[in-house]
Amino acid sequence: MNSLKPEDTAVYHCAAGSYYNDYST
């Protein structure tokens, strides 16, 4: 993460899925 902005403030979660272009998985 570069050029971070205040609006980037959050809890960041990693997840595993089936399809990279369908994050509902």
mmCIF file of all heavy atoms, coordinates in Angstrom:
data_MODEL
# 
_entry.id   MODEL 
# 
loop_
_atom_site.group_PDB 
_atom_site.id 
_atom_site.type_symbol 
_atom_site.label_atom_id 
_atom_site.label_alt_id 
_atom_site.label_comp_id 
_atom_site.label_asym_id 
_atom_site.label_entity_id 
_atom_site.label_seq_id 
_atom_site.pdbx_PDB_ins_code 
_atom_site.Cartn_x 
_atom_site.Cartn_y 
_atom_site.Cartn_z 
_atom_site.occupancy 
_atom_site.B_iso_or_equiv 
_atom_site.pdbx_formal_charge 
_atom_site.auth_seq_id 
_atom_site.auth_comp_id 
_atom_site.auth_asym_id 
_atom_site.auth_atom_id 
_atom_site.pdbx_PDB_model_num 
ATOM 1   N N   . MET A 1 1  ? 0.843   -1.176  0.000   1.00 0.00 ? 1  MET A N   1 
ATOM 2   C CA  . MET A 1 1  ? 0.000   0.000   0.000   1.00 0.00 ? 1  MET A CA  1 
ATOM 3   C C   . MET A 1 1  ? 0.887   1.237   0.000   1.00 0.00 ? 1  MET A C   1 
ATOM 4   O O   . MET A 1 1  ? 1.629   1.476   0.948   1.00 0.00 ? 1  MET A O   1 
ATOM 5   C CB  . MET A 1 1  ? -0.929  0.014   1.211   1.00 0.00 ? 1  MET A CB  1 
ATOM 6   C CG  . MET A 1 1  ? -1.767  -1.251  1.351   1.00 0.00 ? 1  MET A CG  1 
ATOM 7   S SD  . MET A 1 1  ? -2.982  -1.135  2.692   1.00 0.00 ? 1  MET A SD  1 
ATOM 8   C CE  . MET A 1 1  ? -1.870  -1.058  4.098   1.00 0.00 ? 1  MET A CE  1 
ATOM 9   N N   . ASN A 1 2  ? 0.798   2.009   -1.058  1.00 0.00 ? 2  ASN A N   1 
ATOM 10  C CA  . ASN A 1 2  ? 1.555   3.242   -1.193  1.00 0.00 ? 2  ASN A CA  1 
ATOM 11  C C   . ASN A 1 2  ? 0.611   4.432   -1.254  1.00 0.00 ? 2  ASN A C   1 
ATOM 12  O O   . ASN A 1 2  ? -0.578  4.287   -1.521  1.00 0.00 ? 2  ASN A O   1 
ATOM 13  C CB  . ASN A 1 2  ? 2.418   3.205   -2.455  1.00 0.00 ? 2  ASN A CB  1 
ATOM 14  C CG  . ASN A 1 2  ? 3.444   2.098   -2.449  1.00 0.00 ? 2  ASN A CG  1 
ATOM 15  O OD1 . ASN A 1 2  ? 3.989   1.744   -1.408  1.00 0.00 ? 2  ASN A OD1 1 
ATOM 16  N ND2 . ASN A 1 2  ? 3.730   1.553   -3.625  1.00 0.00 ? 2  ASN A ND2 1 
ATOM 17  N N   . SER A 1 3  ? 1.170   5.608   -1.040  1.00 0.00 ? 3  SER A N   1 
ATOM 18  C CA  . SER A 1 3  ? 0.393   6.844   -1.100  1.00 0.00 ? 3  SER A CA  1 
ATOM 19  C C   . SER A 1 3  ? -0.880  6.742   -0.276  1.00 0.00 ? 3  SER A C   1 
ATOM 20  O O   . SER A 1 3  ? -1.980  7.085   -0.734  1.00 0.00 ? 3  SER A O   1 
ATOM 21  C CB  . SER A 1 3  ? 0.067   7.192   -2.556  1.00 0.00 ? 3  SER A CB  1 
ATOM 22  O OG  . SER A 1 3  ? 1.246   7.347   -3.322  1.00 0.00 ? 3  SER A OG  1 
ATOM 23  N N   . LEU A 1 4  ? -0.744  6.282   0.938   1.00 0.00 ? 4  LEU A N   1 
ATOM 24  C CA  . LEU A 1 4  ? -1.901  6.048   1.791   1.00 0.00 ? 4  LEU A CA  1 
ATOM 25  C C   . LEU A 1 4  ? -2.628  7.347   2.121   1.00 0.00 ? 4  LEU A C   1 
ATOM 26  O O   . LEU A 1 4  ? -2.010  8.399   2.283   1.00 0.00 ? 4  LEU A O   1 
ATOM 27  C CB  . LEU A 1 4  ? -1.481  5.339   3.072   1.00 0.00 ? 4  LEU A CB  1 
ATOM 28  C CG  . LEU A 1 4  ? -1.206  3.845   2.900   1.00 0.00 ? 4  LEU A CG  1 
ATOM 29  C CD1 . LEU A 1 4  ? -0.394  3.305   4.061   1.00 0.00 ? 4  LEU A CD1 1 
ATOM 30  C CD2 . LEU A 1 4  ? -2.524  3.081   2.763   1.00 0.00 ? 4  LEU A CD2 1 
ATOM 31  N N   . LYS A 1 5  ? -3.940  7.222   2.221   1.00 0.00 ? 5  LYS A N   1 
ATOM 32  C CA  . LYS A 1 5  ? -4.816  8.336   2.520   1.00 0.00 ? 5  LYS A CA  1 
ATOM 33  C C   . LYS A 1 5  ? -5.600  8.044   3.793   1.00 0.00 ? 5  LYS A C   1 
ATOM 34  O O   . LYS A 1 5  ? -5.811  6.881   4.133   1.00 0.00 ? 5  LYS A O   1 
ATOM 35  C CB  . LYS A 1 5  ? -5.799  8.571   1.370   1.00 0.00 ? 5  LYS A CB  1 
ATOM 36  C CG  . LYS A 1 5  ? -5.144  8.793   0.016   1.00 0.00 ? 5  LYS A CG  1 
ATOM 37  C CD  . LYS A 1 5  ? -6.188  8.885   -1.078  1.00 0.00 ? 5  LYS A CD  1 
ATOM 38  C CE  . LYS A 1 5  ? -5.552  9.098   -2.432  1.00 0.00 ? 5  LYS A CE  1 
ATOM 39  N NZ  . LYS A 1 5  ? -6.570  9.178   -3.512  1.00 0.00 ? 5  LYS A NZ  1 
ATOM 40  N N   . PRO A 1 6  ? -6.058  9.075   4.487   1.00 0.00 ? 6  PRO A N   1 
ATOM 41  C CA  . PRO A 1 6  ? -6.860  8.830   5.696   1.00 0.00 ? 6  PRO A CA  1 
ATOM 42  C C   . PRO A 1 6  ? -8.065  7.933   5.441   1.00 0.00 ? 6  PRO A C   1 
ATOM 43  O O   . PRO A 1 6  ? -8.438  7.156   6.325   1.00 0.00 ? 6  PRO A O   1 
ATOM 44  C CB  . PRO A 1 6  ? -7.287  10.233  6.121   1.00 0.00 ? 6  PRO A CB  1 
ATOM 45  C CG  . PRO A 1 6  ? -6.174  11.105  5.644   1.00 0.00 ? 6  PRO A CG  1 
ATOM 46  C CD  . PRO A 1 6  ? -5.752  10.513  4.328   1.00 0.00 ? 6  PRO A CD  1 
ATOM 47  N N   . GLU A 1 7  ? -8.666  8.021   4.271   1.00 0.00 ? 7  GLU A N   1 
ATOM 48  C CA  . GLU A 1 7  ? -9.811  7.187   3.962   1.00 0.00 ? 7  GLU A CA  1 
ATOM 49  C C   . GLU A 1 7  ? -9.466  5.711   3.787   1.00 0.00 ? 7  GLU A C   1 
ATOM 50  O O   . GLU A 1 7  ? -10.357 4.879   3.653   1.00 0.00 ? 7  GLU A O   1 
ATOM 51  C CB  . GLU A 1 7  ? -10.550 7.703   2.718   1.00 0.00 ? 7  GLU A CB  1 
ATOM 52  C CG  . GLU A 1 7  ? -9.648  7.932   1.518   1.00 0.00 ? 7  GLU A CG  1 
ATOM 53  C CD  . GLU A 1 7  ? -9.231  9.385   1.364   1.00 0.00 ? 7  GLU A CD  1 
ATOM 54  O OE1 . GLU A 1 7  ? -8.865  10.005  2.375   1.00 0.00 ? 7  GLU A OE1 1 
ATOM 55  O OE2 . GLU A 1 7  ? -9.284  9.904   0.225   1.00 0.00 ? 7  GLU A OE2 1 
ATOM 56  N N   . ASP A 1 8  ? -8.178  5.381   3.779   1.00 0.00 ? 8  ASP A N   1 
ATOM 57  C CA  . ASP A 1 8  ? -7.754  3.988   3.760   1.00 0.00 ? 8  ASP A CA  1 
ATOM 58  C C   . ASP A 1 8  ? -7.795  3.352   5.145   1.00 0.00 ? 8  ASP A C   1 
ATOM 59  O O   . ASP A 1 8  ? -7.586  2.144   5.273   1.00 0.00 ? 8  ASP A O   1 
ATOM 60  C CB  . ASP A 1 8  ? -6.336  3.855   3.199   1.00 0.00 ? 8  ASP A CB  1 
ATOM 61  C CG  . ASP A 1 8  ? -6.239  4.257   1.741   1.00 0.00 ? 8  ASP A CG  1 
ATOM 62  O OD1 . ASP A 1 8  ? -7.151  3.906   0.960   1.00 0.00 ? 8  ASP A OD1 1 
ATOM 63  O OD2 . ASP A 1 8  ? -5.244  4.906   1.370   1.00 0.00 ? 8  ASP A OD2 1 
ATOM 64  N N   . THR A 1 9  ? -8.029  4.145   6.165   1.00 0.00 ? 9  THR A N   1 
ATOM 65  C CA  . THR A 1 9  ? -8.075  3.632   7.524   1.00 0.00 ? 9  THR A CA  1 
ATOM 66  C C   . THR A 1 9  ? -9.191  2.605   7.670   1.00 0.00 ? 9  THR A C   1 
ATOM 67  O O   . THR A 1 9  ? -10.347 2.885   7.365   1.00 0.00 ? 9  THR A O   1 
ATOM 68  C CB  . THR A 1 9  ? -8.287  4.776   8.519   1.00 0.00 ? 9  THR A CB  1 
ATOM 69  O OG1 . THR A 1 9  ? -7.159  5.655   8.484   1.00 0.00 ? 9  THR A OG1 1 
ATOM 70  C CG2 . THR A 1 9  ? -8.453  4.244   9.936   1.00 0.00 ? 9  THR A CG2 1 
ATOM 71  N N   . ALA A 1 10 ? -8.831  1.415   8.124   1.00 0.00 ? 10 ALA A N   1 
ATOM 72  C CA  . ALA A 1 10 ? -9.792  0.324   8.257   1.00 0.00 ? 10 ALA A CA  1 
ATOM 73  C C   . ALA A 1 10 ? -9.086  -0.888  8.838   1.00 0.00 ? 10 ALA A C   1 
ATOM 74  O O   . ALA A 1 10 ? -7.861  -0.917  8.958   1.00 0.00 ? 10 ALA A O   1 
ATOM 75  C CB  . ALA A 1 10 ? -10.400 -0.036  6.898   1.00 0.00 ? 10 ALA A CB  1 
ATOM 76  N N   . VAL A 1 11 ? -9.877  -1.886  9.193   1.00 0.00 ? 11 VAL A N   1 
ATOM 77  C CA  . VAL A 1 11 ? -9.332  -3.201  9.488   1.00 0.00 ? 11 VAL A CA  1 
ATOM 78  C C   . VAL A 1 11 ? -9.265  -3.968  8.177   1.00 0.00 ? 11 VAL A C   1 
ATOM 79  O O   . VAL A 1 11 ? -10.270 -4.104  7.480   1.00 0.00 ? 11 VAL A O   1 
ATOM 80  C CB  . VAL A 1 11 ? -10.193 -3.959  10.515  1.00 0.00 ? 11 VAL A CB  1 
ATOM 81  C CG1 . VAL A 1 11 ? -9.649  -5.371  10.729  1.00 0.00 ? 11 VAL A CG1 1 
ATOM 82  C CG2 . VAL A 1 11 ? -10.227 -3.208  11.839  1.00 0.00 ? 11 VAL A CG2 1 
ATOM 83  N N   . TYR A 1 12 ? -8.098  -4.445  7.853   1.00 0.00 ? 12 TYR A N   1 
ATOM 84  C CA  . TYR A 1 12 ? -7.886  -5.164  6.607   1.00 0.00 ? 12 TYR A CA  1 
ATOM 85  C C   . TYR A 1 12 ? -7.894  -6.663  6.859   1.00 0.00 ? 12 TYR A C   1 
ATOM 86  O O   . TYR A 1 12 ? -7.187  -7.167  7.735   1.00 0.00 ? 12 TYR A O   1 
ATOM 87  C CB  . TYR A 1 12 ? -6.558  -4.742  5.967   1.00 0.00 ? 12 TYR A CB  1 
ATOM 88  C CG  . TYR A 1 12 ? -6.638  -3.398  5.292   1.00 0.00 ? 12 TYR A CG  1 
ATOM 89  C CD1 . TYR A 1 12 ? -6.756  -2.236  6.033   1.00 0.00 ? 12 TYR A CD1 1 
ATOM 90  C CD2 . TYR A 1 12 ? -6.610  -3.293  3.902   1.00 0.00 ? 12 TYR A CD2 1 
ATOM 91  C CE1 . TYR A 1 12 ? -6.857  -0.997  5.422   1.00 0.00 ? 12 TYR A CE1 1 
ATOM 92  C CE2 . TYR A 1 12 ? -6.701  -2.056  3.276   1.00 0.00 ? 12 TYR A CE2 1 
ATOM 93  C CZ  . TYR A 1 12 ? -6.822  -0.918  4.040   1.00 0.00 ? 12 TYR A CZ  1 
ATOM 94  O OH  . TYR A 1 12 ? -6.913  0.309   3.425   1.00 0.00 ? 12 TYR A OH  1 
ATOM 95  N N   . HIS A 1 13 ? -8.698  -7.359  6.073   1.00 0.00 ? 13 HIS A N   1 
ATOM 96  C CA  . HIS A 1 13 ? -8.850  -8.797  6.194   1.00 0.00 ? 13 HIS A CA  1 
ATOM 97  C C   . HIS A 1 13 ? -8.379  -9.490  4.929   1.00 0.00 ? 13 HIS A C   1 
ATOM 98  O O   . HIS A 1 13 ? -8.629  -9.016  3.817   1.00 0.00 ? 13 HIS A O   1 
ATOM 99  C CB  . HIS A 1 13 ? -10.315 -9.176  6.434   1.00 0.00 ? 13 HIS A CB  1 
ATOM 100 C CG  . HIS A 1 13 ? -10.886 -8.669  7.712   1.00 0.00 ? 13 HIS A CG  1 
ATOM 101 N ND1 . HIS A 1 13 ? -10.863 -9.418  8.870   1.00 0.00 ? 13 HIS A ND1 1 
ATOM 102 C CD2 . HIS A 1 13 ? -11.501 -7.504  8.014   1.00 0.00 ? 13 HIS A CD2 1 
ATOM 103 C CE1 . HIS A 1 13 ? -11.448 -8.717  9.829   1.00 0.00 ? 13 HIS A CE1 1 
ATOM 104 N NE2 . HIS A 1 13 ? -11.836 -7.560  9.339   1.00 0.00 ? 13 HIS A NE2 1 
ATOM 105 N N   . CYS A 1 14 ? -7.739  -10.601 5.118   1.00 0.00 ? 14 CYS A N   1 
ATOM 106 C CA  . CYS A 1 14 ? -7.371  -11.486 4.027   1.00 0.00 ? 14 CYS A CA  1 
ATOM 107 C C   . CYS A 1 14 ? -8.406  -12.600 3.920   1.00 0.00 ? 14 CYS A C   1 
ATOM 108 O O   . CYS A 1 14 ? -8.998  -13.000 4.922   1.00 0.00 ? 14 CYS A O   1 
ATOM 109 C CB  . CYS A 1 14 ? -5.978  -12.068 4.292   1.00 0.00 ? 14 CYS A CB  1 
ATOM 110 S SG  . CYS A 1 14 ? -5.393  -13.248 3.075   1.00 0.00 ? 14 CYS A SG  1 
ATOM 111 N N   . ALA A 1 15 ? -8.632  -13.092 2.720   1.00 0.00 ? 15 ALA A N   1 
ATOM 112 C CA  . ALA A 1 15 ? -9.582  -14.170 2.531   1.00 0.00 ? 15 ALA A CA  1 
ATOM 113 C C   . ALA A 1 15 ? -9.187  -15.034 1.349   1.00 0.00 ? 15 ALA A C   1 
ATOM 114 O O   . ALA A 1 15 ? -8.493  -14.576 0.434   1.00 0.00 ? 15 ALA A O   1 
ATOM 115 C CB  . ALA A 1 15 ? -10.997 -13.621 2.321   1.00 0.00 ? 15 ALA A CB  1 
ATOM 116 N N   . ALA A 1 16 ? -9.639  -16.270 1.384   1.00 0.00 ? 16 ALA A N   1 
ATOM 117 C CA  . ALA A 1 16 ? -9.427  -17.207 0.292   1.00 0.00 ? 16 ALA A CA  1 
ATOM 118 C C   . ALA A 1 16 ? -10.748 -17.461 -0.411  1.00 0.00 ? 16 ALA A C   1 
ATOM 119 O O   . ALA A 1 16 ? -11.797 -17.534 0.231   1.00 0.00 ? 16 ALA A O   1 
ATOM 120 C CB  . ALA A 1 16 ? -8.846  -18.514 0.816   1.00 0.00 ? 16 ALA A CB  1 
ATOM 121 N N   . GLY A 1 17 ? -10.695 -17.613 -1.713  1.00 0.00 ? 17 GLY A N   1 
ATOM 122 C CA  . GLY A 1 17 ? -11.899 -17.834 -2.476  1.00 0.00 ? 17 GLY A CA  1 
ATOM 123 C C   . GLY A 1 17 ? -11.678 -18.747 -3.659  1.00 0.00 ? 17 GLY A C   1 
ATOM 124 O O   . GLY A 1 17 ? -10.604 -19.334 -3.829  1.00 0.00 ? 17 GLY A O   1 
ATOM 125 N N   . SER A 1 18 ? -12.705 -18.853 -4.476  1.00 0.00 ? 18 SER A N   1 
ATOM 126 C CA  . SER A 1 18 ? -12.656 -19.726 -5.634  1.00 0.00 ? 18 SER A CA  1 
ATOM 127 C C   . SER A 1 18 ? -12.303 -18.992 -6.915  1.00 0.00 ? 18 SER A C   1 
ATOM 128 O O   . SER A 1 18 ? -11.591 -19.532 -7.760  1.00 0.00 ? 18 SER A O   1 
ATOM 129 C CB  . SER A 1 18 ? -14.003 -20.434 -5.817  1.00 0.00 ? 18 SER A CB  1 
ATOM 130 O OG  . SER A 1 18 ? -14.315 -21.237 -4.695  1.00 0.00 ? 18 SER A OG  1 
ATOM 131 N N   . TYR A 1 19 ? -12.805 -17.763 -7.062  1.00 0.00 ? 19 TYR A N   1 
ATOM 132 C CA  . TYR A 1 19 ? -12.602 -17.003 -8.290  1.00 0.00 ? 19 TYR A CA  1 
ATOM 133 C C   . TYR A 1 19 ? -12.176 -15.583 -7.955  1.00 0.00 ? 19 TYR A C   1 
ATOM 134 O O   . TYR A 1 19 ? -12.874 -14.880 -7.213  1.00 0.00 ? 19 TYR A O   1 
ATOM 135 C CB  . TYR A 1 19 ? -13.881 -16.978 -9.123  1.00 0.00 ? 19 TYR A CB  1 
ATOM 136 C CG  . TYR A 1 19 ? -14.433 -18.352 -9.418  1.00 0.00 ? 19 TYR A CG  1 
ATOM 137 C CD1 . TYR A 1 19 ? -15.513 -18.853 -8.704  1.00 0.00 ? 19 TYR A CD1 1 
ATOM 138 C CD2 . TYR A 1 19 ? -13.852 -19.150 -10.403 1.00 0.00 ? 19 TYR A CD2 1 
ATOM 139 C CE1 . TYR A 1 19 ? -16.012 -20.113 -8.971  1.00 0.00 ? 19 TYR A CE1 1 
ATOM 140 C CE2 . TYR A 1 19 ? -14.348 -20.412 -10.668 1.00 0.00 ? 19 TYR A CE2 1 
ATOM 141 C CZ  . TYR A 1 19 ? -15.424 -20.889 -9.951  1.00 0.00 ? 19 TYR A CZ  1 
ATOM 142 O OH  . TYR A 1 19 ? -15.916 -22.145 -10.219 1.00 0.00 ? 19 TYR A OH  1 
ATOM 143 N N   . TYR A 1 20 ? -11.077 -15.154 -8.516  1.00 0.00 ? 20 TYR A N   1 
ATOM 144 C CA  . TYR A 1 20 ? -10.544 -13.838 -8.184  1.00 0.00 ? 20 TYR A CA  1 
ATOM 145 C C   . TYR A 1 20 ? -11.481 -12.709 -8.588  1.00 0.00 ? 20 TYR A C   1 
ATOM 146 O O   . TYR A 1 20 ? -11.472 -11.644 -7.979  1.00 0.00 ? 20 TYR A O   1 
ATOM 147 C CB  . TYR A 1 20 ? -9.172  -13.645 -8.837  1.00 0.00 ? 20 TYR A CB  1 
ATOM 148 C CG  . TYR A 1 20 ? -9.228  -13.206 -10.279 1.00 0.00 ? 20 TYR A CG  1 
ATOM 149 C CD1 . TYR A 1 20 ? -9.075  -11.861 -10.619 1.00 0.00 ? 20 TYR A CD1 1 
ATOM 150 C CD2 . TYR A 1 20 ? -9.430  -14.122 -11.303 1.00 0.00 ? 20 TYR A CD2 1 
ATOM 151 C CE1 . TYR A 1 20 ? -9.131  -11.444 -11.934 1.00 0.00 ? 20 TYR A CE1 1 
ATOM 152 C CE2 . TYR A 1 20 ? -9.496  -13.712 -12.620 1.00 0.00 ? 20 TYR A CE2 1 
ATOM 153 C CZ  . TYR A 1 20 ? -9.350  -12.373 -12.933 1.00 0.00 ? 20 TYR A CZ  1 
ATOM 154 O OH  . TYR A 1 20 ? -9.410  -11.959 -14.237 1.00 0.00 ? 20 TYR A OH  1 
ATOM 155 N N   . ASN A 1 21 ? -12.282 -12.944 -9.626  1.00 0.00 ? 21 ASN A N   1 
ATOM 156 C CA  . ASN A 1 21 ? -13.166 -11.905 -10.121 1.00 0.00 ? 21 ASN A CA  1 
ATOM 157 C C   . ASN A 1 21 ? -14.595 -12.042 -9.609  1.00 0.00 ? 21 ASN A C   1 
ATOM 158 O O   . ASN A 1 21 ? -15.504 -11.400 -10.126 1.00 0.00 ? 21 ASN A O   1 
ATOM 159 C CB  . ASN A 1 21 ? -13.147 -11.869 -11.649 1.00 0.00 ? 21 ASN A CB  1 
ATOM 160 C CG  . ASN A 1 21 ? -13.525 -13.196 -12.280 1.00 0.00 ? 21 ASN A CG  1 
ATOM 161 O OD1 . ASN A 1 21 ? -13.650 -14.210 -11.595 1.00 0.00 ? 21 ASN A OD1 1 
ATOM 162 N ND2 . ASN A 1 21 ? -13.699 -13.204 -13.586 1.00 0.00 ? 21 ASN A ND2 1 
ATOM 163 N N   . ASP A 1 22 ? -14.793 -12.849 -8.605  1.00 0.00 ? 22 ASP A N   1 
ATOM 164 C CA  . ASP A 1 22 ? -16.092 -12.987 -7.954  1.00 0.00 ? 22 ASP A CA  1 
ATOM 165 C C   . ASP A 1 22 ? -15.862 -13.091 -6.456  1.00 0.00 ? 22 ASP A C   1 
ATOM 166 O O   . ASP A 1 22 ? -15.737 -14.192 -5.911  1.00 0.00 ? 22 ASP A O   1 
ATOM 167 C CB  . ASP A 1 22 ? -16.841 -14.207 -8.482  1.00 0.00 ? 22 ASP A CB  1 
ATOM 168 C CG  . ASP A 1 22 ? -18.220 -14.365 -7.871  1.00 0.00 ? 22 ASP A CG  1 
ATOM 169 O OD1 . ASP A 1 22 ? -18.660 -13.475 -7.111  1.00 0.00 ? 22 ASP A OD1 1 
ATOM 170 O OD2 . ASP A 1 22 ? -18.879 -15.386 -8.156  1.00 0.00 ? 22 ASP A OD2 1 
ATOM 171 N N   . TYR A 1 23 ? -15.804 -11.933 -5.786  1.00 0.00 ? 23 TYR A N   1 
ATOM 172 C CA  . TYR A 1 23 ? -15.429 -11.966 -4.378  1.00 0.00 ? 23 TYR A CA  1 
ATOM 173 C C   . TYR A 1 23 ? -16.517 -12.508 -3.470  1.00 0.00 ? 23 TYR A C   1 
ATOM 174 O O   . TYR A 1 23 ? -16.276 -12.713 -2.276  1.00 0.00 ? 23 TYR A O   1 
ATOM 175 C CB  . TYR A 1 23 ? -14.923 -10.598 -3.898  1.00 0.00 ? 23 TYR A CB  1 
ATOM 176 C CG  . TYR A 1 23 ? -15.911 -9.455  -3.903  1.00 0.00 ? 23 TYR A CG  1 
ATOM 177 C CD1 . TYR A 1 23 ? -16.887 -9.340  -2.930  1.00 0.00 ? 23 TYR A CD1 1 
ATOM 178 C CD2 . TYR A 1 23 ? -15.816 -8.456  -4.872  1.00 0.00 ? 23 TYR A CD2 1 
ATOM 179 C CE1 . TYR A 1 23 ? -17.759 -8.272  -2.921  1.00 0.00 ? 23 TYR A CE1 1 
ATOM 180 C CE2 . TYR A 1 23 ? -16.684 -7.381  -4.869  1.00 0.00 ? 23 TYR A CE2 1 
ATOM 181 C CZ  . TYR A 1 23 ? -17.651 -7.292  -3.891  1.00 0.00 ? 23 TYR A CZ  1 
ATOM 182 O OH  . TYR A 1 23 ? -18.516 -6.219  -3.873  1.00 0.00 ? 23 TYR A OH  1 
ATOM 183 N N   . SER A 1 24 ? -17.686 -12.780 -4.011  1.00 0.00 ? 24 SER A N   1 
ATOM 184 C CA  . SER A 1 24 ? -18.710 -13.439 -3.216  1.00 0.00 ? 24 SER A CA  1 
ATOM 185 C C   . SER A 1 24 ? -18.318 -14.869 -2.870  1.00 0.00 ? 24 SER A C   1 
ATOM 186 O O   . SER A 1 24 ? -18.914 -15.476 -1.974  1.00 0.00 ? 24 SER A O   1 
ATOM 187 C CB  . SER A 1 24 ? -20.054 -13.429 -3.948  1.00 0.00 ? 24 SER A CB  1 
ATOM 188 O OG  . SER A 1 24 ? -20.035 -14.250 -5.095  1.00 0.00 ? 24 SER A OG  1 
ATOM 189 N N   . THR A 1 25 ? -17.325 -15.414 -3.557  1.00 0.00 ? 25 THR A N   1 
ATOM 190 C CA  . THR A 1 25 ? -16.861 -16.770 -3.288  1.00 0.00 ? 25 THR A CA  1 
ATOM 191 C C   . THR A 1 25 ? -15.832 -16.831 -2.165  1.00 0.00 ? 25 THR A C   1 
ATOM 192 O O   . THR A 1 25 ? -15.433 -17.914 -1.766  1.00 0.00 ? 25 THR A O   1 
ATOM 193 C CB  . THR A 1 25 ? -16.245 -17.401 -4.541  1.00 0.00 ? 25 THR A CB  1 
ATOM 194 O OG1 . THR A 1 25 ? -15.028 -16.727 -4.895  1.00 0.00 ? 25 THR A OG1 1 
ATOM 195 C CG2 . THR A 1 25 ? -17.220 -17.333 -5.715  1.00 0.00 ? 25 THR A CG2 1 
# 
